[in-house]
């Protein structure tokens, strides 16, 4: 889908080291496509920029109220 819609390739796959993306079949498929697999530390939202930004926004709005 990424190749067709955006005419680009996925370079890196990052997950939180949870079990849902750790099957051998899935990791083999990523390797065959040349996609680098990275894992963040579980439960550390600071490593996910989007989650960190959302948490910061919600915290500021809560403090304002």
Protein backbone atom coordinates (compact mmCIF):
# COMPACT_ATOMS: atom_id res chain seq x y z
CA UNK A 1 0.00 0.00 0.00
CA UNK A 2 2.82 2.41 0.86
CA UNK A 3 4.60 1.62 -2.41
CA UNK A 4 1.45 2.13 -4.48
CA UNK A 5 -0.05 5.18 -2.77
CA UNK A 6 3.07 7.15 -1.88
CA UNK A 7 5.62 5.78 -4.35
CA UNK A 8 8.13 5.13 -1.57
CA UNK A 9 9.45 2.25 0.50
CA UNK A 10 9.30 1.57 4.21
CA UNK A 11 12.82 1.83 5.60
CA UNK A 12 12.31 1.01 9.27
CA UNK A 13 9.65 -0.70 11.38
CA UNK A 14 9.52 0.32 15.04
CA UNK A 15 7.40 -1.34 17.70
CA UNK A 16 7.33 -1.39 21.48
CA UNK A 17 8.70 -4.95 21.68
CA UNK A 18 5.22 -6.29 22.37
CA UNK A 19 4.34 -9.76 21.20
CA UNK A 20 1.96 -8.73 18.43
CA UNK A 21 4.77 -8.00 15.93
CA UNK A 22 7.34 -10.63 16.86
CA UNK A 23 6.29 -13.67 14.83
CA UNK A 24 9.06 -15.27 12.82
CA UNK A 25 6.99 -15.03 9.64
CA UNK A 26 6.46 -11.28 10.05
CA UNK A 27 10.11 -10.58 10.92
CA UNK A 28 11.26 -12.72 7.97
CA UNK A 29 8.96 -10.76 5.63
CA UNK A 30 10.41 -7.46 6.88
CA UNK A 31 13.93 -8.78 6.40
CA UNK A 32 13.16 -9.95 2.87
CA UNK A 33 11.85 -6.48 2.03
CA UNK A 34 15.01 -4.86 3.44
CA UNK A 35 13.15 -3.17 6.29
CA UNK A 36 15.18 -2.51 9.45
CA UNK A 37 13.46 -3.66 12.65
CA UNK A 38 13.80 -1.45 15.74
CA UNK A 39 12.21 -1.89 19.13
CA UNK A 40 11.60 0.77 21.72
CA UNK A 41 11.58 0.06 25.42
CA UNK A 42 8.08 -1.08 26.41
CA UNK A 43 5.90 1.47 28.21
CA UNK A 44 8.27 4.37 27.48
CA UNK A 45 6.11 6.80 25.50
CA UNK A 46 8.99 9.28 25.13
CA UNK A 47 10.39 7.11 22.35
CA UNK A 48 7.22 7.61 20.32
CA UNK A 49 7.18 11.24 19.14
CA UNK A 50 3.48 11.30 18.27
CA UNK A 51 2.42 9.84 21.62
CA UNK A 52 4.76 12.20 23.47
CA UNK A 53 3.30 15.22 21.64
CA UNK A 54 -0.28 14.12 22.39
CA UNK A 55 0.49 13.55 26.07
CA UNK A 56 2.15 16.98 26.31
CA UNK A 57 -0.87 18.65 24.65
CA UNK A 58 -3.36 16.89 26.92
CA UNK A 59 -1.32 17.72 30.02
CA UNK A 60 -1.18 21.41 29.12
CA UNK A 61 -4.92 21.54 28.45
CA UNK A 62 -5.65 19.79 31.74
CA UNK A 63 -3.42 22.24 33.62
CA UNK A 64 -5.21 25.16 31.97
CA UNK A 65 -8.60 23.92 33.13
